[in-house]
Amino acid sequence: MIYYYIYITVLLILAVMLFACLIRAIRGPRIADRLMAVNMMGTMVMVMISVLALMLNEGYLVDVCLVYAMISFLAVVILSKVYIGIYEEGRQAPQNPDSEDEGGMSDGSF
């Protein structure tokens, strides 16, 4: 019976921390902070599912947790790749001057 109250307490603490990570993911000053918050949220949800598996004594929740871990990892990798692509595109944009700023014909020939 005492474990039940410990599990409930842990779930409540994790819920508060999950809400704090959600706020950081929305209001993060940089994209890297947002990515880290999303990754941390995924990890906390996995811990919550694991605690529920212990509390409810259900083994299939561990399988759900493992599937969620794979999906969360894949989502963070994809978001990181998208962010790196946007960052590289932004770095290369100032180096390529527009054709309107240069002299010459409008079709690009000189």
PDB file of N, CA and C in Angstrom:
ATOM      1  N   MET A   1       0.823  -1.205   0.000  1.00  0.00           N
ATOM      2  CA  MET A   1       0.000   0.000   0.000  1.00  0.00           C
ATOM      3  C   MET A   1       0.860   1.259   0.000  1.00  0.00           C
ATOM      4  N   ILE A   2       1.991   1.222   0.677  1.00  0.00           N
ATOM      5  CA  ILE A   2       2.857   2.398   0.719  1.00  0.00           C
ATOM      6  C   ILE A   2       3.455   2.677  -0.655  1.00  0.00           C
ATOM      7  N   TYR A   3       3.697   1.612  -1.444  1.00  0.00           N
ATOM      8  CA  TYR A   3       4.236   1.818  -2.784  1.00  0.00           C
ATOM      9  C   TYR A   3       3.259   2.576  -3.667  1.00  0.00           C
ATOM     10  N   TYR A   4       1.988   2.359  -3.464  1.00  0.00           N
ATOM     11  CA  TYR A   4       0.975   3.051  -4.253  1.00  0.00           C
ATOM     12  C   TYR A   4       1.107   4.560  -4.085  1.00  0.00           C
ATOM     13  N   TYR A   5       1.291   5.025  -2.855  1.00  0.00           N
ATOM     14  CA  TYR A   5       1.418   6.463  -2.602  1.00  0.00           C
ATOM     15  C   TYR A   5       2.747   7.007  -3.127  1.00  0.00           C
ATOM     16  N   ILE A   6       3.776   6.190  -3.076  1.00  0.00           N
ATOM     17  CA  ILE A   6       5.059   6.609  -3.649  1.00  0.00           C
ATOM     18  C   ILE A   6       4.929   6.754  -5.162  1.00  0.00           C
ATOM     19  N   TYR A   7       4.275   5.808  -5.814  1.00  0.00           N
ATOM     20  CA  TYR A   7       4.074   5.889  -7.263  1.00  0.00           C
ATOM     21  C   TYR A   7       3.254   7.116  -7.644  1.00  0.00           C
ATOM     22  N   ILE A   8       2.196   7.378  -6.890  1.00  0.00           N
ATOM     23  CA  ILE A   8       1.366   8.554  -7.164  1.00  0.00           C
ATOM     24  C   ILE A   8       2.175   9.836  -6.995  1.00  0.00           C
ATOM     25  N   THR A   9       2.994   9.892  -5.952  1.00  0.00           N
ATOM     26  CA  THR A   9       3.835  11.072  -5.722  1.00  0.00           C
ATOM     27  C   THR A   9       4.830  11.271  -6.860  1.00  0.00           C
ATOM     28  N   VAL A  10       5.453  10.196  -7.297  1.00  0.00           N
ATOM     29  CA  VAL A  10       6.405  10.283  -8.402  1.00  0.00           C
ATOM     30  C   VAL A  10       5.705  10.731  -9.679  1.00  0.00           C
ATOM     31  N   LEU A  11       4.514  10.211  -9.931  1.00  0.00           N
ATOM     32  CA  LEU A  11       3.768  10.618 -11.134  1.00  0.00           C
ATOM     33  C   LEU A  11       3.375  12.089 -11.080  1.00  0.00           C
ATOM     34  N   LEU A  12       2.991  12.580  -9.920  1.00  0.00           N
ATOM     35  CA  LEU A  12       2.647  13.996  -9.792  1.00  0.00           C
ATOM     36  C   LEU A  12       3.866  14.896 -10.001  1.00  0.00           C
ATOM     37  N   ILE A  13       4.999  14.506  -9.433  1.00  0.00           N
ATOM     38  CA  ILE A  13       6.228  15.290  -9.625  1.00  0.00           C
ATOM     39  C   ILE A  13       6.625  15.298 -11.096  1.00  0.00           C
ATOM     40  N   LEU A  14       6.528  14.148 -11.741  1.00  0.00           N
ATOM     41  CA  LEU A  14       6.856  14.080 -13.169  1.00  0.00           C
ATOM     42  C   LEU A  14       5.875  14.897 -14.007  1.00  0.00           C
ATOM     43  N   ALA A  15       4.618  14.935 -13.611  1.00  0.00           N
ATOM     44  CA  ALA A  15       3.634  15.737 -14.348  1.00  0.00           C
ATOM     45  C   ALA A  15       3.967  17.225 -14.257  1.00  0.00           C
ATOM     46  N   VAL A  16       4.385  17.679 -13.083  1.00  0.00           N
ATOM     47  CA  VAL A  16       4.771  19.077 -12.925  1.00  0.00           C
ATOM     48  C   VAL A  16       6.015  19.385 -13.765  1.00  0.00           C
ATOM     49  N   MET A  17       6.987  18.471 -13.737  1.00  0.00           N
ATOM     50  CA  MET A  17       8.198  18.668 -14.532  1.00  0.00           C
ATOM     51  C   MET A  17       7.894  18.625 -16.030  1.00  0.00           C
ATOM     52  N   LEU A  18       6.952  17.781 -16.420  1.00  0.00           N
ATOM     53  CA  LEU A  18       6.548  17.712 -17.824  1.00  0.00           C
ATOM     54  C   LEU A  18       5.910  19.022 -18.263  1.00  0.00           C
ATOM     55  N   PHE A  19       5.109  19.611 -17.397  1.00  0.00           N
ATOM     56  CA  PHE A  19       4.499  20.907 -17.702  1.00  0.00           C
ATOM     57  C   PHE A  19       5.566  21.990 -17.840  1.00  0.00           C
ATOM     58  N   ALA A  20       6.586  21.955 -16.982  1.00  0.00           N
ATOM     59  CA  ALA A  20       7.683  22.926 -17.080  1.00  0.00           C
ATOM     60  C   ALA A  20       8.448  22.758 -18.393  1.00  0.00           C
ATOM     61  N   CYS A  21       8.647  21.519 -18.813  1.00  0.00           N
ATOM     62  CA  CYS A  21       9.317  21.280 -20.096  1.00  0.00           C
ATOM     63  C   CYS A  21       8.460  21.746 -21.262  1.00  0.00           C
ATOM     64  N   LEU A  22       7.168  21.599 -21.145  1.00  0.00           N
ATOM     65  CA  LEU A  22       6.270  22.086 -22.187  1.00  0.00           C
ATOM     66  C   LEU A  22       6.365  23.600 -22.322  1.00  0.00           C
ATOM     67  N   ILE A  23       6.445  24.285 -21.204  1.00  0.00           N
ATOM     68  CA  ILE A  23       6.612  25.741 -21.243  1.00  0.00           C
ATOM     69  C   ILE A  23       7.934  26.102 -21.901  1.00  0.00           C
ATOM     70  N   ARG A  24       9.012  25.367 -21.570  1.00  0.00           N
ATOM     71  CA  ARG A  24      10.314  25.633 -22.180  1.00  0.00           C
ATOM     72  C   ARG A  24      10.280  25.339 -23.676  1.00  0.00           C
ATOM     73  N   ALA A  25       9.549  24.322 -24.074  1.00  0.00           N
ATOM     74  CA  ALA A  25       9.460  23.992 -25.500  1.00  0.00           C
ATOM     75  C   ALA A  25       8.712  25.066 -26.272  1.00  0.00           C
ATOM     76  N   ILE A  26       7.766  25.718 -25.636  1.00  0.00           N
ATOM     77  CA  ILE A  26       6.998  26.761 -26.313  1.00  0.00           C
ATOM     78  C   ILE A  26       7.742  28.085 -26.303  1.00  0.00           C
ATOM     79  N   ARG A  27       8.327  28.449 -25.153  1.00  0.00           N
ATOM     80  CA  ARG A  27       8.928  29.772 -25.003  1.00  0.00           C
ATOM     81  C   ARG A  27      10.448  29.780 -25.096  1.00  0.00           C
ATOM     82  N   GLY A  28      11.040  28.664 -25.471  1.00  0.00           N
ATOM     83  CA  GLY A  28      12.500  28.579 -25.497  1.00  0.00           C
ATOM     84  C   GLY A  28      13.114  29.684 -26.338  1.00  0.00           C
ATOM     85  N   PRO A  29      14.215  30.283 -25.860  1.00  0.00           N
ATOM     86  CA  PRO A  29      14.802  31.374 -26.636  1.00  0.00           C
ATOM     87  C   PRO A  29      15.456  30.892 -27.930  1.00  0.00           C
ATOM     88  N   ARG A  30      15.946  29.662 -27.957  1.00  0.00           N
ATOM     89  CA  ARG A  30      16.598  29.143 -29.160  1.00  0.00           C
ATOM     90  C   ARG A  30      15.952  27.820 -29.547  1.00  0.00           C
ATOM     91  N   ILE A  31      16.215  27.435 -30.786  1.00  0.00           N
ATOM     92  CA  ILE A  31      15.700  26.163 -31.289  1.00  0.00           C
ATOM     93  C   ILE A  31      16.327  24.995 -30.531  1.00  0.00           C
ATOM     94  N   ALA A  32      17.595  25.121 -30.168  1.00  0.00           N
ATOM     95  CA  ALA A  32      18.264  24.039 -29.435  1.00  0.00           C
ATOM     96  C   ALA A  32      17.595  23.800 -28.080  1.00  0.00           C
ATOM     97  N   ASP A  33      17.159  24.875 -27.419  1.00  0.00           N
ATOM     98  CA  ASP A  33      16.438  24.714 -26.151  1.00  0.00           C
ATOM     99  C   ASP A  33      15.120  23.993 -26.353  1.00  0.00           C
ATOM    100  N   ARG A  34      14.460  24.302 -27.434  1.00  0.00           N
ATOM    101  CA  ARG A  34      13.188  23.644 -27.727  1.00  0.00           C
ATOM    102  C   ARG A  34      13.386  22.158 -28.019  1.00  0.00           C
ATOM    103  N   LEU A  35      14.432  21.836 -28.793  1.00  0.00           N
ATOM    104  CA  LEU A  35      14.721  20.430 -29.080  1.00  0.00           C
ATOM    105  C   LEU A  35      15.051  19.660 -27.807  1.00  0.00           C
ATOM    106  N   MET A  36      15.837  20.278 -26.941  1.00  0.00           N
ATOM    107  CA  MET A  36      16.185  19.624 -25.682  1.00  0.00           C
ATOM    108  C   MET A  36      14.944  19.406 -24.810  1.00  0.00           C
ATOM    109  N   ALA A  37      14.035  20.381 -24.809  1.00  0.00           N
ATOM    110  CA  ALA A  37      12.807  20.245 -24.021  1.00  0.00           C
ATOM    111  C   ALA A  37      11.926  19.124 -24.576  1.00  0.00           C
ATOM    112  N   VAL A  38      11.836  19.017 -25.896  1.00  0.00           N
ATOM    113  CA  VAL A  38      11.037  17.941 -26.494  1.00  0.00           C
ATOM    114  C   VAL A  38      11.650  16.585 -26.167  1.00  0.00           C
ATOM    115  N   ASN A  39      12.968  16.490 -26.221  1.00  0.00           N
ATOM    116  CA  ASN A  39      13.637  15.243 -25.880  1.00  0.00           C
ATOM    117  C   ASN A  39      13.415  14.890 -24.406  1.00  0.00           C
ATOM    118  N   MET A  40      13.492  15.884 -23.539  1.00  0.00           N
ATOM    119  CA  MET A  40      13.282  15.641 -22.115  1.00  0.00           C
ATOM    120  C   MET A  40      11.838  15.242 -21.835  1.00  0.00           C
ATOM    121  N   MET A  41      10.900  15.839 -22.564  1.00  0.00           N
ATOM    122  CA  MET A  41       9.501  15.460 -22.391  1.00  0.00           C
ATOM    123  C   MET A  41       9.282  14.000 -22.770  1.00  0.00           C
ATOM    124  N   GLY A  42       9.914  13.570 -23.852  1.00  0.00           N
ATOM    125  CA  GLY A  42       9.805  12.170 -24.251  1.00  0.00           C
ATOM    126  C   GLY A  42      10.361  11.228 -23.194  1.00  0.00           C
ATOM    127  N   THR A  43      11.478  11.621 -22.607  1.00  0.00           N
ATOM    128  CA  THR A  43      12.076  10.793 -21.568  1.00  0.00           C
ATOM    129  C   THR A  43      11.178  10.733 -20.340  1.00  0.00           C
ATOM    130  N   MET A  44      10.588  11.856 -19.962  1.00  0.00           N
ATOM    131  CA  MET A  44       9.710  11.854 -18.789  1.00  0.00           C
ATOM    132  C   MET A  44       8.448  11.037 -19.017  1.00  0.00           C
ATOM    133  N   VAL A  45       7.921  11.083 -20.222  1.00  0.00           N
ATOM    134  CA  VAL A  45       6.743  10.268 -20.520  1.00  0.00           C
ATOM    135  C   VAL A  45       7.098   8.785 -20.428  1.00  0.00           C
ATOM    136  N   MET A  46       8.300   8.423 -20.889  1.00  0.00           N
ATOM    137  CA  MET A  46       8.717   7.017 -20.768  1.00  0.00           C
ATOM    138  C   MET A  46       8.837   6.598 -19.302  1.00  0.00           C
ATOM    139  N   VAL A  47       9.362   7.476 -18.472  1.00  0.00           N
ATOM    140  CA  VAL A  47       9.457   7.157 -17.041  1.00  0.00           C
ATOM    141  C   VAL A  47       8.060   7.035 -16.433  1.00  0.00           C
ATOM    142  N   MET A  48       7.152   7.912 -16.843  1.00  0.00           N
ATOM    143  CA  MET A  48       5.782   7.840 -16.330  1.00  0.00           C
ATOM    144  C   MET A  48       5.108   6.528 -16.733  1.00  0.00           C
ATOM    145  N   ILE A  49       5.328   6.102 -17.968  1.00  0.00           N
ATOM    146  CA  ILE A  49       4.745   4.831 -18.416  1.00  0.00           C
ATOM    147  C   ILE A  49       5.348   3.672 -17.629  1.00  0.00           C
ATOM    148  N   SER A  50       6.650   3.749 -17.347  1.00  0.00           N
ATOM    149  CA  SER A  50       7.297   2.691 -16.566  1.00  0.00           C
ATOM    150  C   SER A  50       6.753   2.634 -15.140  1.00  0.00           C
ATOM    151  N   VAL A  51       6.546   3.793 -14.541  1.00  0.00           N
ATOM    152  CA  VAL A  51       5.977   3.827 -13.188  1.00  0.00           C
ATOM    153  C   VAL A  51       4.552   3.268 -13.205  1.00  0.00           C
ATOM    154  N   LEU A  52       3.799   3.611 -14.219  1.00  0.00           N
ATOM    155  CA  LEU A  52       2.447   3.050 -14.336  1.00  0.00           C
ATOM    156  C   LEU A  52       2.485   1.529 -14.506  1.00  0.00           C
ATOM    157  N   ALA A  53       3.486   1.033 -15.253  1.00  0.00           N
ATOM    158  CA  ALA A  53       3.611  -0.413 -15.418  1.00  0.00           C
ATOM    159  C   ALA A  53       3.872  -1.086 -14.072  1.00  0.00           C
ATOM    160  N   LEU A  54       4.688  -0.460 -13.236  1.00  0.00           N
ATOM    161  CA  LEU A  54       4.938  -1.014 -11.902  1.00  0.00           C
ATOM    162  C   LEU A  54       3.702  -0.904 -11.016  1.00  0.00           C
ATOM    163  N   MET A  55       3.052   0.254 -11.080  1.00  0.00           N
ATOM    164  CA  MET A  55       1.909   0.502 -10.211  1.00  0.00           C
ATOM    165  C   MET A  55       0.734  -0.412 -10.541  1.00  0.00           C
ATOM    166  N   LEU A  56       0.463  -0.580 -11.817  1.00  0.00           N
ATOM    167  CA  LEU A  56      -0.681  -1.383 -12.244  1.00  0.00           C
ATOM    168  C   LEU A  56      -0.338  -2.857 -12.430  1.00  0.00           C
ATOM    169  N   ASN A  57       0.965  -3.167 -12.345  1.00  0.00           N
ATOM    170  CA  ASN A  57       1.437  -4.538 -12.505  1.00  0.00           C
ATOM    171  C   ASN A  57       1.051  -5.101 -13.872  1.00  0.00           C
ATOM    172  N   GLU A  58       1.266  -4.299 -14.893  1.00  0.00           N
ATOM    173  CA  GLU A  58       0.949  -4.672 -16.279  1.00  0.00           C
ATOM    174  C   GLU A  58       2.232  -4.690 -17.098  1.00  0.00           C
ATOM    175  N   GLY A  59       2.568  -5.846 -17.656  1.00  0.00           N
ATOM    176  CA  GLY A  59       3.807  -5.994 -18.411  1.00  0.00           C
ATOM    177  C   GLY A  59       3.768  -5.373 -19.792  1.00  0.00           C
ATOM    178  N   TYR A  60       2.588  -5.269 -20.390  1.00  0.00           N
ATOM    179  CA  TYR A  60       2.515  -4.741 -21.750  1.00  0.00           C
ATOM    180  C   TYR A  60       2.867  -3.258 -21.803  1.00  0.00           C
ATOM    181  N   LEU A  61       2.758  -2.555 -20.674  1.00  0.00           N
ATOM    182  CA  LEU A  61       3.120  -1.137 -20.671  1.00  0.00           C
ATOM    183  C   LEU A  61       4.613  -0.929 -20.880  1.00  0.00           C
ATOM    184  N   VAL A  62       5.416  -1.908 -20.520  1.00  0.00           N
ATOM    185  CA  VAL A  62       6.853  -1.828 -20.788  1.00  0.00           C
ATOM    186  C   VAL A  62       7.103  -1.878 -22.294  1.00  0.00           C
ATOM    187  N   ASP A  63       6.343  -2.708 -23.003  1.00  0.00           N
ATOM    188  CA  ASP A  63       6.454  -2.755 -24.462  1.00  0.00           C
ATOM    189  C   ASP A  63       6.028  -1.428 -25.081  1.00  0.00           C
ATOM    190  N   VAL A  64       4.972  -0.844 -24.559  1.00  0.00           N
ATOM    191  CA  VAL A  64       4.529   0.471 -25.034  1.00  0.00           C
ATOM    192  C   VAL A  64       5.621   1.500 -24.793  1.00  0.00           C
ATOM    193  N   CYS A  65       6.278   1.413 -23.654  1.00  0.00           N
ATOM    194  CA  CYS A  65       7.347   2.339 -23.315  1.00  0.00           C
ATOM    195  C   CYS A  65       8.516   2.206 -24.297  1.00  0.00           C
ATOM    196  N   LEU A  66       8.871   0.987 -24.654  1.00  0.00           N
ATOM    197  CA  LEU A  66       9.962   0.772 -25.602  1.00  0.00           C
ATOM    198  C   LEU A  66       9.625   1.315 -26.991  1.00  0.00           C
ATOM    199  N   VAL A  67       8.401   1.107 -27.432  1.00  0.00           N
ATOM    200  CA  VAL A  67       7.976   1.642 -28.727  1.00  0.00           C
ATOM    201  C   VAL A  67       7.982   3.171 -28.686  1.00  0.00           C
ATOM    202  N   TYR A  68       7.524   3.721 -27.582  1.00  0.00           N
ATOM    203  CA  TYR A  68       7.525   5.180 -27.431  1.00  0.00           C
ATOM    204  C   TYR A  68       8.951   5.720 -27.430  1.00  0.00           C
ATOM    205  N   ALA A  69       9.879   4.996 -26.843  1.00  0.00           N
ATOM    206  CA  ALA A  69      11.281   5.425 -26.825  1.00  0.00           C
ATOM    207  C   ALA A  69      11.842   5.479 -28.234  1.00  0.00           C
ATOM    208  N   MET A  70      11.531   4.483 -29.043  1.00  0.00           N
ATOM    209  CA  MET A  70      12.019   4.483 -30.435  1.00  0.00           C
ATOM    210  C   MET A  70      11.422   5.635 -31.233  1.00  0.00           C
ATOM    211  N   ILE A  71      10.132   5.876 -31.057  1.00  0.00           N
ATOM    212  CA  ILE A  71       9.475   6.961 -31.785  1.00  0.00           C
ATOM    213  C   ILE A  71      10.003   8.312 -31.321  1.00  0.00           C
ATOM    214  N   SER A  72      10.213   8.480 -30.036  1.00  0.00           N
ATOM    215  CA  SER A  72      10.730   9.736 -29.501  1.00  0.00           C
ATOM    216  C   SER A  72      12.143  10.004 -30.010  1.00  0.00           C
ATOM    217  N   PHE A  73      12.979   8.986 -30.022  1.00  0.00           N
ATOM    218  CA  PHE A  73      14.336   9.146 -30.529  1.00  0.00           C
ATOM    219  C   PHE A  73      14.317   9.536 -31.997  1.00  0.00           C
ATOM    220  N   LEU A  74      13.491   8.869 -32.782  1.00  0.00           N
ATOM    221  CA  LEU A  74      13.407   9.172 -34.204  1.00  0.00           C
ATOM    222  C   LEU A  74      12.900  10.595 -34.433  1.00  0.00           C
ATOM    223  N   ALA A  75      11.941  11.042 -33.641  1.00  0.00           N
ATOM    224  CA  ALA A  75      11.414  12.394 -33.787  1.00  0.00           C
ATOM    225  C   ALA A  75      12.485  13.440 -33.481  1.00  0.00           C
ATOM    226  N   VAL A  76      13.275  13.211 -32.448  1.00  0.00           N
ATOM    227  CA  VAL A  76      14.327  14.175 -32.109  1.00  0.00           C
ATOM    228  C   VAL A  76      15.402  14.194 -33.187  1.00  0.00           C
ATOM    229  N   VAL A  77      15.740  13.052 -33.744  1.00  0.00           N
ATOM    230  CA  VAL A  77      16.738  13.010 -34.819  1.00  0.00           C
ATOM    231  C   VAL A  77      16.225  13.756 -36.046  1.00  0.00           C
ATOM    232  N   ILE A  78      14.976  13.549 -36.399  1.00  0.00           N
ATOM    233  CA  ILE A  78      14.412  14.230 -37.569  1.00  0.00           C
ATOM    234  C   ILE A  78      14.324  15.733 -37.337  1.00  0.00           C
ATOM    235  N   LEU A  79      13.881  16.145 -36.151  1.00  0.00           N
ATOM    236  CA  LEU A  79      13.828  17.579 -35.850  1.00  0.00           C
ATOM    237  C   LEU A  79      15.216  18.200 -35.863  1.00  0.00           C
ATOM    238  N   SER A  80      16.217  17.476 -35.403  1.00  0.00           N
ATOM    239  CA  SER A  80      17.590  17.983 -35.433  1.00  0.00           C
ATOM    240  C   SER A  80      18.078  18.134 -36.861  1.00  0.00           C
ATOM    241  N   LYS A  81      17.783  17.163 -37.711  1.00  0.00           N
ATOM    242  CA  LYS A  81      18.174  17.256 -39.121  1.00  0.00           C
ATOM    243  C   LYS A  81      17.508  18.445 -39.806  1.00  0.00           C
ATOM    244  N   VAL A  82      16.225  18.658 -39.514  1.00  0.00           N
ATOM    245  CA  VAL A  82      15.515  19.797 -40.095  1.00  0.00           C
ATOM    246  C   VAL A  82      16.139  21.101 -39.617  1.00  0.00           C
ATOM    247  N   TYR A  83      16.451  21.181 -38.338  1.00  0.00           N
ATOM    248  CA  TYR A  83      17.058  22.389 -37.781  1.00  0.00           C
ATOM    249  C   TYR A  83      18.432  22.639 -38.395  1.00  0.00           C
ATOM    250  N   ILE A  84      19.235  21.585 -38.574  1.00  0.00           N
ATOM    251  CA  ILE A  84      20.558  21.753 -39.186  1.00  0.00           C
ATOM    252  C   ILE A  84      20.411  22.222 -40.625  1.00  0.00           C
ATOM    253  N   GLY A  85      19.424  21.690 -41.346  1.00  0.00           N
ATOM    254  CA  GLY A  85      19.187  22.129 -42.726  1.00  0.00           C
ATOM    255  C   GLY A  85      18.793  23.589 -42.792  1.00  0.00           C
ATOM    256  N   ILE A  86      17.926  24.035 -41.890  1.00  0.00           N
ATOM    257  CA  ILE A  86      17.523  25.444 -41.867  1.00  0.00           C
ATOM    258  C   ILE A  86      18.703  26.321 -41.481  1.00  0.00           C
ATOM    259  N   TYR A  87      19.520  25.866 -40.535  1.00  0.00           N
ATOM    260  CA  TYR A  87      20.683  26.632 -40.099  1.00  0.00           C
ATOM    261  C   TYR A  87      21.694  26.773 -41.234  1.00  0.00           C
ATOM    262  N   GLU A  88      21.971  25.692 -41.943  1.00  0.00           N
ATOM    263  CA  GLU A  88      22.912  25.747 -43.056  1.00  0.00           C
ATOM    264  C   GLU A  88      22.373  26.622 -44.182  1.00  0.00           C
ATOM    265  N   GLU A  89      21.088  26.559 -44.433  1.00  0.00           N
ATOM    266  CA  GLU A  89      20.484  27.389 -45.474  1.00  0.00           C
ATOM    267  C   GLU A  89      20.595  28.866 -45.116  1.00  0.00           C
ATOM    268  N   GLY A  90      20.413  29.183 -43.849  1.00  0.00           N
ATOM    269  CA  GLY A  90      20.543  30.568 -43.395  1.00  0.00           C
ATOM    270  C   GLY A  90      21.966  31.071 -43.468  1.00  0.00           C
ATOM    271  N   ARG A  91      22.931  30.202 -43.246  1.00  0.00           N
ATOM    272  CA  ARG A  91      24.333  30.604 -43.327  1.00  0.00           C
ATOM    273  C   ARG A  91      24.765  30.848 -44.757  1.00  0.00           C
ATOM    274  N   GLN A  92      24.206  30.090 -45.700  1.00  0.00           N
ATOM    275  CA  GLN A  92      24.611  30.219 -47.094  1.00  0.00           C
ATOM    276  C   GLN A  92      23.875  31.322 -47.825  1.00  0.00           C
ATOM    277  N   ALA A  93      22.757  31.779 -47.315  1.00  0.00           N
ATOM    278  CA  ALA A  93      21.955  32.795 -48.003  1.00  0.00           C
ATOM    279  C   ALA A  93      22.691  34.127 -48.154  1.00  0.00           C
ATOM    280  N   PRO A  94      23.373  34.674 -47.153  1.00  0.00           N
ATOM    281  CA  PRO A  94      24.061  35.950 -47.343  1.00  0.00           C
ATOM    282  C   PRO A  94      25.243  35.864 -48.306  1.00  0.00           C
ATOM    283  N   GLN A  95      25.805  34.688 -48.503  1.00  0.00           N
ATOM    284  CA  GLN A  95      26.948  34.551 -49.387  1.00  0.00           C
ATOM    285  C   GLN A  95      26.551  34.548 -50.852  1.00  0.00           C
ATOM    286  N   ASN A  96      25.310  34.223 -51.180  1.00  0.00           N
ATOM    287  CA  ASN A  96      24.830  34.186 -52.555  1.00  0.00           C
ATOM    288  C   ASN A  96      24.057  35.464 -52.851  1.00  0.00           C
ATOM    289  N   PRO A  97      24.680  36.452 -53.527  1.00  0.00           N
ATOM    290  CA  PRO A  97      23.954  37.696 -53.811  1.00  0.00           C
ATOM    291  C   PRO A  97      22.861  37.463 -54.849  1.00  0.00           C
ATOM    292  N   ASP A  98      21.822  38.254 -54.753  1.00  0.00           N
ATOM    293  CA  ASP A  98      20.719  38.162 -55.708  1.00  0.00           C
ATOM    294  C   ASP A  98      21.157  38.700 -57.060  1.00  0.00           C
ATOM    295  N   SER A  99      20.544  38.205 -58.119  1.00  0.00           N
ATOM    296  CA  SER A  99      20.902  38.652 -59.466  1.00  0.00           C
ATOM    297  C   SER A  99      20.404  40.066 -59.732  1.00  0.00           C
ATOM    298  N   GLU A 100      19.439  40.559 -58.941  1.00  0.00           N
ATOM    299  CA  GLU A 100      18.944  41.911 -59.152  1.00  0.00           C
ATOM    300  C   GLU A 100      19.948  42.956 -58.682  1.00  0.00           C
ATOM    301  N   ASP A 101      20.778  42.610 -57.712  1.00  0.00           N
ATOM    302  CA  ASP A 101      21.748  43.563 -57.199  1.00  0.00           C
ATOM    303  C   ASP A 101      22.922  43.751 -58.145  1.00  0.00           C
ATOM    304  N   GLU A 102      23.179  42.793 -59.027  1.00  0.00           N
ATOM    305  CA  GLU A 102      24.298  42.869 -59.938  1.00  0.00           C
ATOM    306  C   GLU A 102      23.864  43.559 -61.228  1.00  0.00           C
ATOM    307  N   GLY A 103      24.845  44.080 -61.930  1.00  0.00           N
ATOM    308  CA  GLY A 103      24.550  44.665 -63.241  1.00  0.00           C
ATOM    309  C   GLY A 103      24.331  43.582 -64.264  1.00  0.00           C
ATOM    310  N   GLY A 104      23.805  43.919 -65.411  1.00  0.00           N
ATOM    311  CA  GLY A 104      23.623  42.934 -66.470  1.00  0.00           C
ATOM    312  C   GLY A 104      22.163  42.821 -66.834  1.00  0.00           C
ATOM    313  N   MET A 105      21.900  41.877 -67.685  1.00  0.00           N
ATOM    314  CA  MET A 105      20.559  41.668 -68.197  1.00  0.00           C
ATOM    315  C   MET A 105      19.723  40.927 -67.148  1.00  0.00           C
ATOM    316  N   SER A 106      18.413  40.996 -67.311  1.00  0.00           N
ATOM    317  CA  SER A 106      17.520  40.373 -66.332  1.00  0.00           C
ATOM    318  C   SER A 106      17.545  38.858 -66.404  1.00  0.00           C
ATOM    319  N   ASP A 107      17.982  38.286 -67.528  1.00  0.00           N
ATOM    320  CA  ASP A 107      17.999  36.831 -67.624  1.00  0.00           C
ATOM    321  C   ASP A 107      19.313  36.244 -67.125  1.00  0.00           C
ATOM    322  N   GLY A 108      20.228  37.084 -66.616  1.00  0.00           N
ATOM    323  CA  GLY A 108      21.461  36.591 -66.035  1.00  0.00           C
ATOM    324  C   GLY A 108      22.641  36.634 -66.985  1.00  0.00           C
ATOM    325  N   SER A 109      22.405  36.928 -68.274  1.00  0.00           N
ATOM    326  CA  SER A 109      23.527  36.973 -69.214  1.00  0.00           C
ATOM    327  C   SER A 109      24.152  38.359 -69.207  1.00  0.00           C
ATOM    328  N   PHE A 110      25.422  38.433 -69.604  1.00  0.00           N
ATOM    329  CA  PHE A 110      26.132  39.720 -69.602  1.00  0.00           C
ATOM    330  C   PHE A 110      26.326  40.247 -70.977  1.00  0.00           C
TER     331      PHE A 110
END
